[in-house]
């Protein structure tokens, strides 16, 4: 049976940021970060945390278009010059 890990990050509310990882529908693991980070950074923090629990039969589920785009190579990166 495939393991499912749900991830979501929340950033930039001027005080703190939160990240959340849910593994196979169990109790959410919510982390509050004292440092204010942008939302996309919070999403990547979640992905990093999820990979710690993942194995080859894991599906990671996210609502982040940025993560999905970067990981599937369908997203485009813009370089600032």
C-alpha atoms as a PDB file:
ATOM      1  CA  UNK A   1       0.000   0.000   0.000  1.00  0.00           C
ATOM      2  CA  UNK A   2       1.351   3.404  -0.951  1.00  0.00           C
ATOM      3  CA  UNK A   3       2.067   5.847   1.834  1.00  0.00           C
ATOM      4  CA  UNK A   4       0.487   9.297   1.346  1.00  0.00           C
ATOM      5  CA  UNK A   5       2.051  12.428   2.784  1.00  0.00           C
ATOM      6  CA  UNK A   6       0.163  15.716   2.587  1.00  0.00           C
ATOM      7  CA  UNK A   7       2.183  18.936   2.877  1.00  0.00           C
ATOM      8  CA  UNK A   8       1.240  22.607   3.141  1.00  0.00           C
ATOM      9  CA  UNK A   9       3.136  25.697   4.202  1.00  0.00           C
ATOM     10  CA  UNK A  10       2.016  29.141   5.275  1.00  0.00           C
ATOM     11  CA  UNK A  11       4.383  32.048   5.221  1.00  0.00           C
ATOM     12  CA  UNK A  12       4.656  35.800   5.515  1.00  0.00           C
ATOM     13  CA  UNK A  13       2.188  36.942   8.110  1.00  0.00           C
ATOM     14  CA  UNK A  14       4.848  39.302   9.528  1.00  0.00           C
ATOM     15  CA  UNK A  15       5.238  37.389  12.797  1.00  0.00           C
ATOM     16  CA  UNK A  16       5.863  33.697  12.116  1.00  0.00           C
ATOM     17  CA  UNK A  17       5.435  30.956   9.534  1.00  0.00           C
ATOM     18  CA  UNK A  18       3.859  27.521   9.848  1.00  0.00           C
ATOM     19  CA  UNK A  19       4.384  24.242   8.059  1.00  0.00           C
ATOM     20  CA  UNK A  20       2.239  21.123   8.232  1.00  0.00           C
ATOM     21  CA  UNK A  21       2.898  17.487   7.276  1.00  0.00           C
ATOM     22  CA  UNK A  22       0.207  14.779   7.515  1.00  0.00           C
ATOM     23  CA  UNK A  23       1.282  11.161   7.049  1.00  0.00           C
ATOM     24  CA  UNK A  24      -1.418   8.628   6.085  1.00  0.00           C
ATOM     25  CA  UNK A  25      -4.206  10.691   7.647  1.00  0.00           C
ATOM     26  CA  UNK A  26      -2.652  10.677  11.118  1.00  0.00           C
ATOM     27  CA  UNK A  27      -2.345  13.664  13.438  1.00  0.00           C
ATOM     28  CA  UNK A  28      -0.957  16.706  11.586  1.00  0.00           C
ATOM     29  CA  UNK A  29       2.606  17.663  12.453  1.00  0.00           C
ATOM     30  CA  UNK A  30       2.488  21.457  12.590  1.00  0.00           C
ATOM     31  CA  UNK A  31       5.651  23.451  13.132  1.00  0.00           C
ATOM     32  CA  UNK A  32       5.660  27.134  13.975  1.00  0.00           C
ATOM     33  CA  UNK A  33       8.771  28.985  12.845  1.00  0.00           C
ATOM     34  CA  UNK A  34       9.780  32.172  14.611  1.00  0.00           C
ATOM     35  CA  UNK A  35      11.308  33.471  11.426  1.00  0.00           C
ATOM     36  CA  UNK A  36       9.018  35.047   8.873  1.00  0.00           C
ATOM     37  CA  UNK A  37       9.550  33.292   5.517  1.00  0.00           C
ATOM     38  CA  UNK A  38       7.780  33.614   2.168  1.00  0.00           C
ATOM     39  CA  UNK A  39       5.030  31.109   1.397  1.00  0.00           C
ATOM     40  CA  UNK A  40       7.078  29.324  -1.283  1.00  0.00           C
ATOM     41  CA  UNK A  41       9.919  28.809   1.190  1.00  0.00           C
ATOM     42  CA  UNK A  42       7.468  27.331   3.704  1.00  0.00           C
ATOM     43  CA  UNK A  43       6.260  24.915   1.011  1.00  0.00           C
ATOM     44  CA  UNK A  44       9.837  23.763   0.388  1.00  0.00           C
ATOM     45  CA  UNK A  45      10.421  23.331   4.140  1.00  0.00           C
ATOM     46  CA  UNK A  46       7.380  21.028   4.161  1.00  0.00           C
ATOM     47  CA  UNK A  47       8.696  19.047   1.219  1.00  0.00           C
ATOM     48  CA  UNK A  48      12.040  18.628   2.977  1.00  0.00           C
ATOM     49  CA  UNK A  49      10.296  17.374   6.128  1.00  0.00           C
ATOM     50  CA  UNK A  50       8.088  14.998   4.110  1.00  0.00           C
ATOM     51  CA  UNK A  51      11.077  13.455   2.330  1.00  0.00           C
ATOM     52  CA  UNK A  52      12.462  12.426   5.708  1.00  0.00           C
ATOM     53  CA  UNK A  53       9.451  10.097   6.143  1.00  0.00           C
ATOM     54  CA  UNK A  54       9.147   9.032   2.499  1.00  0.00           C
ATOM     55  CA  UNK A  55      10.246   5.824   0.864  1.00  0.00           C
ATOM     56  CA  UNK A  56      10.016   4.601  -2.731  1.00  0.00           C
ATOM     57  CA  UNK A  57       6.300   3.821  -2.354  1.00  0.00           C
ATOM     58  CA  UNK A  58       5.307   7.283  -1.099  1.00  0.00           C
ATOM     59  CA  UNK A  59       3.037   9.793  -2.783  1.00  0.00           C
ATOM     60  CA  UNK A  60       3.520  13.392  -1.650  1.00  0.00           C
ATOM     61  CA  UNK A  61       0.444  15.586  -2.108  1.00  0.00           C
ATOM     62  CA  UNK A  62       0.651  19.383  -2.171  1.00  0.00           C
ATOM     63  CA  UNK A  63      -1.447  22.320  -3.311  1.00  0.00           C
ATOM     64  CA  UNK A  64       1.687  24.234  -4.287  1.00  0.00           C
ATOM     65  CA  UNK A  65       1.823  24.832  -8.037  1.00  0.00           C
ATOM     66  CA  UNK A  66       5.433  25.917  -7.606  1.00  0.00           C
ATOM     67  CA  UNK A  67       6.515  22.587  -6.078  1.00  0.00           C
ATOM     68  CA  UNK A  68       4.586  20.520  -8.603  1.00  0.00           C
ATOM     69  CA  UNK A  69       5.995  22.559 -11.458  1.00  0.00           C
ATOM     70  CA  UNK A  70       9.586  22.323 -10.258  1.00  0.00           C
ATOM     71  CA  UNK A  71       9.403  18.608  -9.497  1.00  0.00           C
ATOM     72  CA  UNK A  72       7.698  17.607 -12.734  1.00  0.00           C
ATOM     73  CA  UNK A  73       9.783  19.943 -14.886  1.00  0.00           C
ATOM     74  CA  UNK A  74       6.601  21.457 -16.285  1.00  0.00           C
ATOM     75  CA  UNK A  75       7.247  24.637 -14.368  1.00  0.00           C
ATOM     76  CA  UNK A  76       9.501  27.325 -15.669  1.00  0.00           C
ATOM     77  CA  UNK A  77      12.107  29.148 -13.646  1.00  0.00           C
ATOM     78  CA  UNK A  78      12.822  32.789 -14.337  1.00  0.00           C
ATOM     79  CA  UNK A  79      16.301  34.042 -13.734  1.00  0.00           C
ATOM     80  CA  UNK A  80      16.681  37.597 -12.572  1.00  0.00           C
ATOM     81  CA  UNK A  81      19.512  39.419 -14.264  1.00  0.00           C
END
